[in-house]
Amino acid sequence: MQATAQMLETRNFIDVRFQDQPRYLQPAGIYWFEALSVAAFSDPAAREPWAYRIPSLLGASAAVLLTGWIGATLFGASIGMVAGLLLAASLLMGVEARMAKIDATLLAAVLVAQASLLRIYLDAAAGIATRRRWAAAHWAALGAGLMLKGPLVLLVSWGTIGGLLATERRGAWLRNLHARWGIPLMLAVVLPWCVAIGVASGGDFFARSVGDNFLGKVAQGQQAHGFPPGYYLLVFGASFWPGSLFAMLAIPFAWARRRTPEVRFLLAWIIPTWLLFEAVATKLPHYVLPTYPAIACLAAAAALAPSAWRFGRAWRWVGRAYGVAWLLVGLALAVAGPALLWVLQRRIDALPVLASLTGVALAVLALRAAWQSWPRRAMAWSGGAALVLFASTYALVLPNLSVIWLSPRIAAAVAAVRPCPDSVLASASYSEPSLVFETGRNTKLVDATAAADYLAGHQSCGLALIGGREQAAFHAQMQALGVMSQALAQVAGINYSTGRQLDLTIYAAKPP
């Protein structure tokens, strides 16, 4: 959000920066979308986070609708409807839809490319001539995906094609992709900016984004996110909850119908992408989000199939064991909200507690229906549980956890005590990007000694934010510089990124 705000302030839409540092992690696409949203609905000076999140909301909504279309194309309208609802109800999709980041918007681009590829694939299997607009949509979506997060969109699309070629041993249908003009169309979307940023950065963007960020994540876990293979299977039960129960129950269905074109396409979509990300060293739950629409389609098709969930004895026991684990995840999600309110702020709110009890009851009913092979009832109860629990979390719990929302509280305190309209804050103990977003791009993220130096050099208007651990170093440097300080305000809370309790004091130089 801060990089987007600076883009609007400086009118530089090519070279993305956070403060005075280049932000060369991915192309500029998401910043353009957010800048367009802010320009249309807000103002950079207003610092309204909701305006930056609209692209994610629209991307998530488009992804749900496209999942419905893909499911309906493969299996019929009812299954498409259920597939879209499974994706919409999932924990990870709900989180991504509410954050000002790339992945929900990227998912929409991935699904346009996959929907177009599906249409071309099915038409070829049926001997029907495919209109060229589907190929154009495919390549244009790949270009948009490249502008959002680089090669990831190609991994999904080309992984699907590779999976189909490996299982079918035929590729004549790929002629309908019209790669001779499709690839230039894709490149026409992304190359102008690539040339511009290459010139502006002297090639540094590609060295950092491709060499350090993209390839670096393959070789080693970055930012403390390195996990062994199997990580995504382990977290899937929670990240796709409540649909993870139905995804597991769809495995026998997918295996039995693996040679049908519909299921083969979905498996070719899921398996190569999933295995690739399991092999990559750096792992975060949202990396496999592009596979979730295909999983939702399989889960919906299995649940609404004739004689659904009629398993043998062995798989029935596997399903029951997984169902218990699924219920425990639901219980953890239900308890989390009221528990956080109590542990962090010592408060008990009746509505979150009631929502938790209701959610657990609905989850129990869903699991009971699944054990009795009543898929429609199970989906209805589990969807109700997700609706109640997530609505409570987003509307009642998170907004009231003021202890973790440090940046807005610091910004409010700074606004109340700043000696000059253009006072700049030097923060020695709290360096979250949200602080820069709230207090301005001139905010200085420094250590205690540098904060004291800044305050000594800007005695009329300067401010310093110092935590308890840095107090001694700060005051020692101020004393060495011969400058007295005065405490103007205090802010206490928890840094949600690190989990550390912080006791912060805002200082100014004391007039002589």
Protein backbone atom coordinates (compact mmCIF):
# COMPACT_ATOMS: atom_id res chain seq x y z
CA MET A 1 0.00 0.00 0.00
CA GLN A 2 2.83 2.41 0.82
CA ALA A 3 4.59 1.71 -2.47
CA THR A 4 1.32 2.38 -4.30
CA ALA A 5 0.78 5.61 -2.37
CA GLN A 6 4.28 6.77 -3.34
CA MET A 7 3.59 5.85 -6.95
CA LEU A 8 0.58 8.17 -6.91
CA GLU A 9 2.45 10.94 -5.08
CA THR A 10 5.49 10.91 -7.37
CA ARG A 11 3.60 10.02 -10.58
CA ASN A 12 6.31 7.43 -11.27
CA PHE A 13 4.40 4.36 -12.44
CA ILE A 14 7.45 2.41 -13.62
CA ASP A 15 9.99 2.27 -10.79
CA VAL A 16 8.20 0.92 -7.68
CA ARG A 17 9.71 2.14 -4.41
CA PHE A 18 9.21 1.85 -0.66
CA GLN A 19 10.51 5.10 0.78
CA ASP A 20 13.78 5.65 -1.09
CA GLN A 21 14.47 1.94 -1.67
CA PRO A 22 13.51 0.12 -4.89
CA ARG A 23 10.93 -2.60 -4.37
CA TYR A 24 12.05 -5.12 -6.96
CA LEU A 25 10.07 -8.20 -5.92
CA GLN A 26 7.57 -8.47 -8.78
CA PRO A 27 6.30 -6.41 -11.74
CA ALA A 28 4.16 -3.31 -11.30
CA GLY A 29 0.76 -4.77 -12.21
CA ILE A 30 -0.75 -4.94 -8.72
CA TYR A 31 0.47 -1.43 -7.91
CA TRP A 32 -1.27 -0.14 -11.02
CA PHE A 33 -4.54 -1.80 -10.03
CA GLU A 34 -4.32 -0.43 -6.49
CA ALA A 35 -3.36 3.03 -7.75
CA LEU A 36 -6.35 3.02 -10.08
CA SER A 37 -8.61 2.02 -7.19
CA VAL A 38 -7.26 4.71 -4.88
CA ALA A 39 -7.49 7.37 -7.59
CA ALA A 40 -11.10 6.38 -8.29
CA PHE A 41 -12.41 5.96 -4.74
CA SER A 42 -10.05 7.73 -2.35
CA ASP A 43 -6.90 9.85 -2.16
CA PRO A 44 -3.30 8.90 -1.29
CA ALA A 45 -3.22 11.53 1.45
CA ALA A 46 -6.30 9.99 3.12
CA ARG A 47 -4.45 6.72 3.85
CA GLU A 48 -7.64 4.64 3.65
CA PRO A 49 -6.63 0.94 3.48
CA TRP A 50 -9.99 -0.23 2.09
CA ALA A 51 -9.34 1.58 -1.20
CA TYR A 52 -6.15 -0.41 -1.73
CA ARG A 53 -7.97 -3.70 -1.09
CA ILE A 54 -10.63 -3.34 -3.78
CA PRO A 55 -8.53 -5.11 -6.47
CA SER A 56 -8.24 -8.14 -4.18
CA LEU A 57 -11.98 -8.14 -3.53
CA LEU A 58 -12.75 -7.90 -7.24
CA GLY A 59 -10.14 -10.54 -8.08
CA ALA A 60 -11.54 -12.95 -5.49
CA SER A 61 -15.10 -12.36 -6.69
CA ALA A 62 -14.04 -12.98 -10.29
CA ALA A 63 -12.20 -16.13 -9.22
CA VAL A 64 -15.33 -17.50 -7.56
CA LEU A 65 -17.44 -16.80 -10.65
CA LEU A 66 -14.84 -18.30 -12.98
CA THR A 67 -14.61 -21.39 -10.80
CA GLY A 68 -18.37 -21.70 -11.11
CA TRP A 69 -18.11 -21.39 -14.88
CA ILE A 70 -15.36 -24.02 -15.10
CA GLY A 71 -17.29 -26.43 -12.87
CA ALA A 72 -20.48 -25.87 -14.88
CA THR A 73 -18.63 -26.41 -18.16
CA LEU A 74 -17.17 -29.68 -16.92
CA PHE A 75 -20.01 -31.19 -14.90
CA GLY A 76 -23.16 -29.04 -15.12
CA ALA A 77 -24.60 -25.91 -13.54
CA SER A 78 -25.31 -27.33 -10.08
CA ILE A 79 -21.78 -28.60 -9.64
CA GLY A 80 -20.40 -25.28 -10.89
CA MET A 81 -22.47 -23.44 -8.30
CA VAL A 82 -21.22 -25.66 -5.48
CA ALA A 83 -17.60 -25.41 -6.67
CA GLY A 84 -17.77 -21.62 -6.59
CA LEU A 85 -19.27 -21.68 -3.12
CA LEU A 86 -16.57 -24.06 -1.84
CA LEU A 87 -13.87 -21.68 -3.05
CA ALA A 88 -15.69 -18.64 -1.66
CA ALA A 89 -16.11 -20.28 1.75
CA SER A 90 -12.48 -21.38 2.11
CA LEU A 91 -10.35 -19.80 4.80
CA LEU A 92 -7.46 -18.88 2.51
CA MET A 93 -9.67 -17.31 -0.15
CA GLY A 94 -11.40 -15.22 2.49
CA VAL A 95 -8.07 -13.95 3.81
CA GLU A 96 -6.68 -13.12 0.36
CA ALA A 97 -9.86 -11.27 -0.61
CA ARG A 98 -9.34 -8.87 2.30
CA MET A 99 -5.66 -7.99 1.89
CA ALA A 100 -4.01 -5.45 -0.40
CA LYS A 101 -1.69 -7.95 -2.09
CA ILE A 102 -1.33 -9.83 -5.34
CA ASP A 103 -2.70 -13.32 -4.97
CA ALA A 104 -6.47 -12.89 -5.31
CA THR A 105 -6.00 -10.75 -8.42
CA LEU A 106 -3.46 -13.21 -9.79
CA LEU A 107 -5.92 -16.06 -9.23
CA ALA A 108 -8.46 -14.30 -11.44
CA ALA A 109 -5.86 -14.03 -14.23
CA VAL A 110 -4.91 -17.70 -13.79
CA LEU A 111 -8.54 -18.75 -14.04
CA VAL A 112 -9.15 -16.75 -17.24
CA ALA A 113 -6.16 -18.56 -18.76
CA GLN A 114 -7.32 -21.95 -17.45
CA ALA A 115 -10.94 -21.43 -18.52
CA SER A 116 -9.78 -20.55 -22.04
CA LEU A 117 -7.47 -23.56 -22.11
CA LEU A 118 -10.32 -25.78 -20.95
CA ARG A 119 -12.62 -24.52 -23.70
CA ILE A 120 -9.97 -25.22 -26.34
CA TYR A 121 -9.25 -28.67 -24.89
CA LEU A 122 -12.90 -29.76 -24.70
CA ASP A 123 -13.72 -28.42 -28.15
CA ALA A 124 -10.83 -30.39 -29.63
CA ALA A 125 -11.98 -33.55 -27.84
CA ALA A 126 -15.48 -33.03 -29.28
CA GLY A 127 -14.19 -32.17 -32.77
CA ILE A 128 -15.56 -28.63 -32.58
CA ALA A 129 -13.76 -25.63 -34.05
CA THR A 130 -12.82 -23.19 -31.28
CA ARG A 131 -13.18 -19.48 -31.84
CA ARG A 132 -9.92 -17.58 -31.78
CA ARG A 133 -11.16 -15.31 -29.02
CA TRP A 134 -10.52 -18.12 -26.53
CA ALA A 135 -6.87 -18.29 -27.56
CA ALA A 136 -6.66 -14.49 -27.37
CA ALA A 137 -8.13 -14.54 -23.86
CA HIS A 138 -5.66 -17.23 -22.83
CA TRP A 139 -2.56 -15.35 -23.96
CA ALA A 140 -3.82 -11.98 -22.72
CA ALA A 141 -4.48 -13.51 -19.28
CA LEU A 142 -0.97 -14.98 -19.24
CA GLY A 143 0.39 -11.53 -20.03
CA ALA A 144 -1.65 -10.03 -17.19
CA GLY A 145 -0.40 -12.74 -14.85
CA LEU A 146 3.18 -12.00 -15.83
CA MET A 147 2.60 -8.33 -14.97
CA LEU A 148 1.27 -9.37 -11.56
CA LYS A 149 3.72 -11.98 -10.31
CA GLY A 150 6.06 -12.97 -13.06
CA PRO A 151 6.36 -16.59 -14.28
CA LEU A 152 3.95 -18.17 -11.75
CA VAL A 153 1.01 -17.99 -14.16
CA LEU A 154 3.06 -19.86 -16.77
CA LEU A 155 3.85 -22.62 -14.28
CA VAL A 156 0.14 -23.30 -13.81
CA SER A 157 -0.82 -23.10 -17.48
CA TRP A 158 2.16 -24.94 -18.89
CA GLY A 159 2.04 -27.44 -16.04
CA THR A 160 -1.54 -28.28 -17.05
CA ILE A 161 -0.54 -28.65 -20.69
CA GLY A 162 2.42 -30.81 -19.70
CA GLY A 163 0.23 -33.01 -17.53
CA LEU A 164 -2.25 -33.53 -20.37
CA LEU A 165 0.50 -34.31 -22.87
CA ALA A 166 2.06 -36.82 -20.47
CA THR A 167 -1.21 -38.70 -19.89
CA GLU A 168 -2.76 -38.50 -23.36
CA ARG A 169 0.26 -38.63 -25.66
CA ARG A 170 -1.42 -36.27 -28.12
CA GLY A 171 -0.99 -32.57 -28.65
CA ALA A 172 -2.75 -31.71 -31.89
CA TRP A 173 -5.32 -29.68 -29.96
CA LEU A 174 -2.59 -27.23 -28.94
CA ARG A 175 -2.67 -25.82 -32.47
CA ASN A 176 -5.89 -24.07 -31.46
CA LEU A 177 -3.89 -21.99 -28.99
CA HIS A 178 -2.41 -20.16 -31.99
CA ALA A 179 0.94 -19.66 -30.31
CA ARG A 180 2.42 -17.92 -33.35
CA TRP A 181 0.38 -14.80 -32.65
CA GLY A 182 -0.58 -15.68 -29.07
CA ILE A 183 2.93 -15.47 -27.65
CA PRO A 184 3.52 -12.02 -29.22
CA LEU A 185 0.17 -10.94 -27.73
CA MET A 186 1.30 -12.11 -24.29
CA LEU A 187 4.63 -10.35 -24.66
CA ALA A 188 2.92 -7.17 -25.85
CA VAL A 189 1.24 -6.95 -22.45
CA VAL A 190 4.41 -7.24 -20.38
CA LEU A 191 7.38 -6.19 -22.55
CA PRO A 192 6.81 -2.39 -22.60
CA TRP A 193 7.08 -2.21 -18.82
CA CYS A 194 9.99 -4.68 -18.80
CA VAL A 195 11.93 -2.46 -21.18
CA ALA A 196 11.06 0.65 -19.19
CA ILE A 197 12.07 -0.82 -15.82
CA GLY A 198 15.20 -2.34 -17.33
CA VAL A 199 16.29 1.11 -18.47
CA ALA A 200 15.22 2.84 -15.24
CA SER A 201 16.96 0.33 -12.96
CA GLY A 202 19.96 -0.42 -15.13
CA GLY A 203 18.95 -4.08 -15.12
CA ASP A 204 18.84 -4.24 -11.32
CA PHE A 205 15.14 -5.17 -11.30
CA PHE A 206 15.74 -8.44 -13.12
CA ALA A 207 18.77 -9.30 -11.00
CA ARG A 208 16.72 -8.87 -7.82
CA SER A 209 13.27 -10.10 -8.83
CA VAL A 210 14.36 -13.11 -10.88
CA GLY A 211 17.77 -13.90 -9.41
CA ASP A 212 17.21 -13.15 -5.73
CA ASN A 213 13.44 -13.32 -5.21
CA PHE A 214 12.17 -15.95 -7.67
CA LEU A 215 15.13 -18.32 -8.04
CA GLY A 216 16.23 -17.71 -4.47
CA LYS A 217 12.93 -19.11 -3.20
CA VAL A 218 13.51 -22.29 -5.18
CA ALA A 219 16.89 -23.03 -3.61
CA GLN A 220 16.36 -22.00 0.00
CA GLY A 221 13.63 -20.91 2.37
CA GLN A 222 13.43 -17.12 2.44
CA GLN A 223 12.15 -14.92 5.26
CA ALA A 224 11.93 -17.90 7.66
CA HIS A 225 9.46 -19.68 5.37
CA GLY A 226 11.49 -22.77 4.51
CA PHE A 227 9.62 -26.06 5.00
CA PRO A 228 10.10 -29.63 3.74
CA PRO A 229 7.90 -31.28 1.09
CA GLY A 230 4.47 -32.20 2.43
CA TYR A 231 3.90 -28.79 3.99
CA TYR A 232 0.97 -27.92 1.71
CA LEU A 233 -0.77 -31.22 2.41
CA LEU A 234 -0.34 -30.57 6.12
CA VAL A 235 -1.90 -27.10 6.05
CA PHE A 236 -4.55 -27.90 3.43
CA GLY A 237 -7.03 -29.06 6.07
CA ALA A 238 -7.09 -25.54 7.51
CA SER A 239 -6.42 -23.38 4.44
CA PHE A 240 -9.29 -24.91 2.40
CA TRP A 241 -11.58 -25.41 5.41
CA PRO A 242 -14.47 -26.28 5.31
CA GLY A 243 -14.06 -27.61 1.77
CA SER A 244 -11.05 -29.71 2.75
CA LEU A 245 -13.40 -32.41 4.06
CA PHE A 246 -15.13 -32.71 0.68
CA ALA A 247 -11.82 -32.58 -1.18
CA MET A 248 -10.58 -35.61 0.75
CA LEU A 249 -13.83 -37.47 0.10
CA ALA A 250 -13.40 -36.73 -3.63
CA ILE A 251 -10.19 -38.76 -3.95
CA PRO A 252 -11.92 -42.10 -4.79
CA PHE A 253 -14.16 -40.27 -7.29
CA ALA A 254 -11.16 -38.67 -9.00
CA TRP A 255 -9.26 -41.96 -9.13
CA ALA A 256 -12.20 -43.89 -10.59
CA ARG A 257 -12.76 -41.27 -13.31
CA ARG A 258 -9.16 -40.26 -13.91
CA ARG A 259 -9.34 -41.19 -17.61
CA THR A 260 -12.37 -39.02 -18.40
CA PRO A 261 -11.45 -35.71 -20.10
CA GLU A 262 -13.07 -33.62 -17.35
CA VAL A 263 -11.24 -35.21 -14.43
CA ARG A 264 -8.02 -35.60 -16.41
CA PHE A 265 -7.94 -31.87 -17.08
CA LEU A 266 -8.42 -31.03 -13.40
CA LEU A 267 -5.78 -33.53 -12.27
CA ALA A 268 -3.33 -32.17 -14.84
CA TRP A 269 -4.05 -28.75 -13.39
CA ILE A 270 -3.57 -29.76 -9.75
CA ILE A 271 -0.78 -32.32 -9.64
CA PRO A 272 2.11 -30.66 -11.54
CA THR A 273 1.55 -27.29 -9.86
CA TRP A 274 1.22 -28.85 -6.41
CA LEU A 275 4.33 -31.01 -6.78
CA LEU A 276 6.34 -28.10 -8.09
CA PHE A 277 5.54 -25.95 -5.07
CA GLU A 278 6.16 -28.83 -2.68
CA ALA A 279 9.66 -29.05 -4.21
CA VAL A 280 10.35 -25.32 -3.82
CA ALA A 281 12.18 -24.52 -0.57
CA THR A 282 10.24 -21.38 0.34
CA LYS A 283 6.65 -22.22 1.25
CA LEU A 284 3.63 -20.11 2.14
CA PRO A 285 0.02 -21.39 2.16
CA HIS A 286 -1.14 -19.09 -0.65
CA TYR A 287 1.44 -20.39 -3.15
CA VAL A 288 -0.84 -23.32 -4.08
CA LEU A 289 -3.98 -21.16 -4.21
CA PRO A 290 -4.13 -21.52 -8.04
CA THR A 291 -4.94 -25.22 -7.56
CA TYR A 292 -7.89 -24.61 -5.22
CA PRO A 293 -10.49 -23.91 -7.95
CA ALA A 294 -9.71 -27.25 -9.60
CA ILE A 295 -9.91 -29.00 -6.21
CA ALA A 296 -13.25 -27.29 -5.57
CA CYS A 297 -14.59 -28.57 -8.88
CA LEU A 298 -13.56 -32.15 -8.08
CA ALA A 299 -15.00 -31.93 -4.58
CA ALA A 300 -18.32 -30.60 -5.87
CA ALA A 301 -18.51 -33.21 -8.63
CA ALA A 302 -17.85 -36.04 -6.18
CA ALA A 303 -20.40 -34.75 -3.69
CA LEU A 304 -23.20 -34.39 -6.27
CA ALA A 305 -22.44 -37.55 -8.21
CA PRO A 306 -24.98 -40.40 -8.21
CA SER A 307 -24.36 -42.67 -5.24
CA ALA A 308 -21.99 -40.13 -3.78
CA TRP A 309 -19.59 -41.13 -1.03
CA ARG A 310 -20.28 -44.87 -1.20
CA PHE A 311 -16.88 -46.12 -0.04
CA GLY A 312 -15.37 -49.44 0.83
CA ARG A 313 -14.56 -50.28 4.43
CA ALA A 314 -10.93 -49.11 4.29
CA TRP A 315 -11.67 -45.70 2.80
CA ARG A 316 -14.65 -45.27 5.09
CA TRP A 317 -12.32 -45.46 8.08
CA VAL A 318 -9.82 -43.11 6.42
CA GLY A 319 -12.67 -40.68 5.86
CA ARG A 320 -13.84 -40.92 9.45
CA ALA A 321 -10.32 -40.28 10.77
CA TYR A 322 -9.88 -37.29 8.49
CA GLY A 323 -13.32 -36.05 9.49
CA VAL A 324 -12.26 -35.95 13.13
CA ALA A 325 -9.16 -33.95 12.18
CA TRP A 326 -11.37 -31.62 10.09
CA LEU A 327 -13.66 -31.07 13.08
CA LEU A 328 -10.69 -30.27 15.30
CA VAL A 329 -9.58 -27.61 12.81
CA GLY A 330 -13.08 -26.15 12.93
CA LEU A 331 -12.98 -26.20 16.71
CA ALA A 332 -9.64 -24.36 16.68
CA LEU A 333 -11.04 -21.73 14.30
CA ALA A 334 -14.09 -21.32 16.51
CA VAL A 335 -12.09 -20.93 19.72
CA ALA A 336 -9.45 -18.64 18.20
CA GLY A 337 -11.53 -15.45 18.14
CA PRO A 338 -12.84 -15.40 21.72
CA ALA A 339 -9.51 -16.77 22.97
CA LEU A 340 -7.57 -13.92 21.33
CA LEU A 341 -9.91 -11.35 22.81
CA TRP A 342 -9.42 -12.82 26.27
CA VAL A 343 -5.67 -13.52 26.12
CA LEU A 344 -4.67 -10.24 24.50
CA GLN A 345 -7.23 -7.85 25.94
CA ARG A 346 -8.90 -9.63 28.84
CA ARG A 347 -12.38 -9.16 27.45
CA ILE A 348 -15.27 -11.51 26.80
CA ASP A 349 -17.73 -10.51 24.10
CA ALA A 350 -21.02 -12.36 23.97
CA LEU A 351 -21.49 -12.30 20.20
CA PRO A 352 -18.14 -13.94 19.27
CA VAL A 353 -18.74 -16.59 21.94
CA LEU A 354 -22.23 -17.26 20.58
CA ALA A 355 -20.86 -17.40 17.03
CA SER A 356 -18.22 -19.91 18.12
CA LEU A 357 -20.76 -22.17 19.78
CA THR A 358 -23.02 -21.96 16.73
CA GLY A 359 -20.13 -22.68 14.37
CA VAL A 360 -19.04 -25.75 16.33
CA ALA A 361 -22.61 -27.08 16.42
CA LEU A 362 -22.97 -26.63 12.65
CA ALA A 363 -19.60 -28.31 12.03
CA VAL A 364 -20.67 -31.30 14.13
CA LEU A 365 -23.88 -31.57 12.11
CA ALA A 366 -21.84 -31.35 8.90
CA LEU A 367 -19.53 -34.16 9.94
CA ARG A 368 -22.48 -36.30 11.03
CA ALA A 369 -24.12 -35.77 7.63
CA ALA A 370 -20.87 -36.68 5.87
CA TRP A 371 -20.57 -39.90 7.87
CA GLN A 372 -24.12 -40.76 6.84
CA SER A 373 -23.31 -40.00 3.17
CA TRP A 374 -25.60 -37.00 2.92
CA PRO A 375 -23.38 -34.65 0.90
CA ARG A 376 -25.87 -31.84 0.36
CA ARG A 377 -26.67 -31.59 4.05
CA ALA A 378 -22.98 -31.80 4.92
CA MET A 379 -22.18 -28.94 2.56
CA ALA A 380 -25.05 -26.83 3.84
CA TRP A 381 -24.08 -27.29 7.49
CA SER A 382 -20.37 -26.73 6.86
CA GLY A 383 -21.07 -23.65 4.76
CA GLY A 384 -23.18 -22.27 7.58
CA ALA A 385 -20.37 -22.95 10.04
CA ALA A 386 -17.86 -21.10 7.84
CA LEU A 387 -20.21 -18.17 7.38
CA VAL A 388 -20.82 -17.76 11.10
CA LEU A 389 -17.21 -18.22 12.19
CA PHE A 390 -15.59 -16.06 9.53
CA ALA A 391 -18.18 -13.29 9.85
CA SER A 392 -17.52 -13.20 13.58
CA THR A 393 -13.75 -13.11 13.06
CA TYR A 394 -13.74 -10.36 10.44
CA ALA A 395 -16.55 -8.20 11.85
CA LEU A 396 -16.36 -8.72 15.62
CA VAL A 397 -12.96 -10.03 16.67
CA LEU A 398 -10.23 -8.50 14.53
CA PRO A 399 -11.55 -4.90 14.59
CA ASN A 400 -11.64 -5.05 18.40
CA LEU A 401 -8.09 -6.35 18.86
CA SER A 402 -6.72 -2.83 19.25
CA VAL A 403 -3.62 -4.20 20.99
CA ILE A 404 -2.24 -5.51 17.67
CA TRP A 405 -3.09 -2.46 15.57
CA LEU A 406 -0.03 -0.50 16.66
CA SER A 407 0.59 1.58 13.55
CA PRO A 408 -2.74 3.48 13.53
CA ARG A 409 -2.43 4.10 17.26
CA ILE A 410 1.13 5.39 16.89
CA ALA A 411 0.03 7.63 14.03
CA ALA A 412 -2.81 9.04 16.14
CA ALA A 413 -0.43 9.71 19.02
CA VAL A 414 2.06 11.41 16.70
CA ALA A 415 -0.69 13.60 15.24
CA ALA A 416 -1.73 14.64 18.76
CA VAL A 417 1.74 15.65 20.01
CA ARG A 418 3.78 16.66 16.97
CA PRO A 419 5.35 20.09 17.42
CA CYS A 420 5.24 20.97 13.70
CA PRO A 421 2.82 20.10 10.89
CA ASP A 422 5.67 18.40 9.02
CA SER A 423 7.28 16.63 11.97
CA VAL A 424 9.10 13.44 11.01
CA LEU A 425 9.19 10.36 13.24
CA ALA A 426 12.37 8.32 13.74
CA SER A 427 11.36 4.84 14.93
CA ALA A 428 13.96 2.70 16.64
CA SER A 429 11.83 -0.15 17.92
CA TYR A 430 9.03 -0.69 15.44
CA SER A 431 9.73 -0.97 11.73
CA GLU A 432 6.55 -2.35 10.17
CA PRO A 433 5.74 -0.95 6.69
CA SER A 434 2.31 -0.03 8.03
CA LEU A 435 3.98 2.57 10.26
CA VAL A 436 5.38 4.29 7.17
CA PHE A 437 1.96 4.08 5.52
CA GLU A 438 0.32 5.73 8.54
CA THR A 439 2.95 8.35 9.39
CA GLY A 440 4.35 9.21 5.95
CA ARG A 441 7.14 8.08 3.66
CA ASN A 442 9.70 10.36 5.39
CA THR A 443 9.43 8.21 8.52
CA LYS A 444 12.87 6.93 9.47
CA LEU A 445 13.33 3.28 10.45
CA VAL A 446 16.59 3.37 12.38
CA ASP A 447 18.31 2.12 15.53
CA ALA A 448 18.29 3.89 18.90
CA THR A 449 21.56 5.72 18.32
CA ALA A 450 20.46 7.04 14.94
CA ALA A 451 17.11 8.10 16.42
CA ALA A 452 18.96 10.14 19.06
CA ASP A 453 21.17 11.67 16.37
CA TYR A 454 18.11 12.62 14.34
CA LEU A 455 16.35 14.15 17.34
CA ALA A 456 19.46 16.16 18.25
CA GLY A 457 19.70 17.46 14.70
CA HIS A 458 15.99 18.36 14.46
CA GLN A 459 15.26 19.70 17.93
CA SER A 460 12.39 21.96 16.85
CA CYS A 461 10.22 19.45 15.01
CA GLY A 462 11.74 15.97 15.28
CA LEU A 463 10.15 13.01 17.10
CA ALA A 464 11.57 9.64 18.12
CA LEU A 465 9.75 6.38 18.89
CA ILE A 466 11.72 4.30 21.39
CA GLY A 467 10.86 0.93 22.92
CA GLY A 468 11.75 -0.35 26.37
CA ARG A 469 14.73 -2.40 25.16
CA GLU A 470 16.25 0.59 23.35
CA GLN A 471 15.75 3.17 26.09
CA ALA A 472 19.24 2.87 27.59
CA ALA A 473 21.03 3.23 24.25
CA PHE A 474 18.82 6.13 23.23
CA HIS A 475 19.31 8.11 26.44
CA ALA A 476 23.05 7.40 26.50
CA GLN A 477 23.43 8.85 23.02
CA MET A 478 21.22 11.85 23.84
CA GLN A 479 23.38 12.53 26.90
CA ALA A 480 26.55 12.22 24.83
CA LEU A 481 25.12 14.77 22.40
CA GLY A 482 24.18 17.12 25.22
CA VAL A 483 20.47 17.16 24.37
CA MET A 484 17.66 16.61 26.86
CA SER A 485 14.58 14.63 25.81
CA GLN A 486 10.98 14.72 26.99
CA ALA A 487 8.36 11.99 26.74
CA LEU A 488 5.21 13.14 24.96
CA ALA A 489 3.10 9.96 24.63
CA GLN A 490 3.17 6.22 25.22
CA VAL A 491 1.76 3.39 23.14
CA ALA A 492 1.76 -0.25 24.25
CA GLY A 493 0.79 -3.29 22.23
CA ILE A 494 1.90 -6.41 20.38
CA ASN A 495 3.76 -6.49 17.09
CA TYR A 496 1.66 -9.07 15.23
CA SER A 497 4.59 -9.86 12.91
CA THR A 498 6.92 -10.94 15.69
CA GLY A 499 4.58 -11.54 18.64
CA ARG A 500 6.68 -9.21 20.82
CA GLN A 501 5.11 -7.03 23.48
CA LEU A 502 6.20 -3.44 22.88
CA ASP A 503 6.10 -0.49 25.25
CA LEU A 504 6.81 2.52 23.05
CA THR A 505 7.46 6.12 24.02
CA ILE A 506 7.37 9.13 21.72
CA TYR A 507 10.12 11.63 22.55
CA ALA A 508 10.91 15.16 21.48
CA ALA A 509 13.92 17.31 22.30
CA LYS A 510 13.36 19.42 25.44
CA PRO A 511 13.71 23.13 24.77
CA PRO A 512 16.82 24.62 26.41
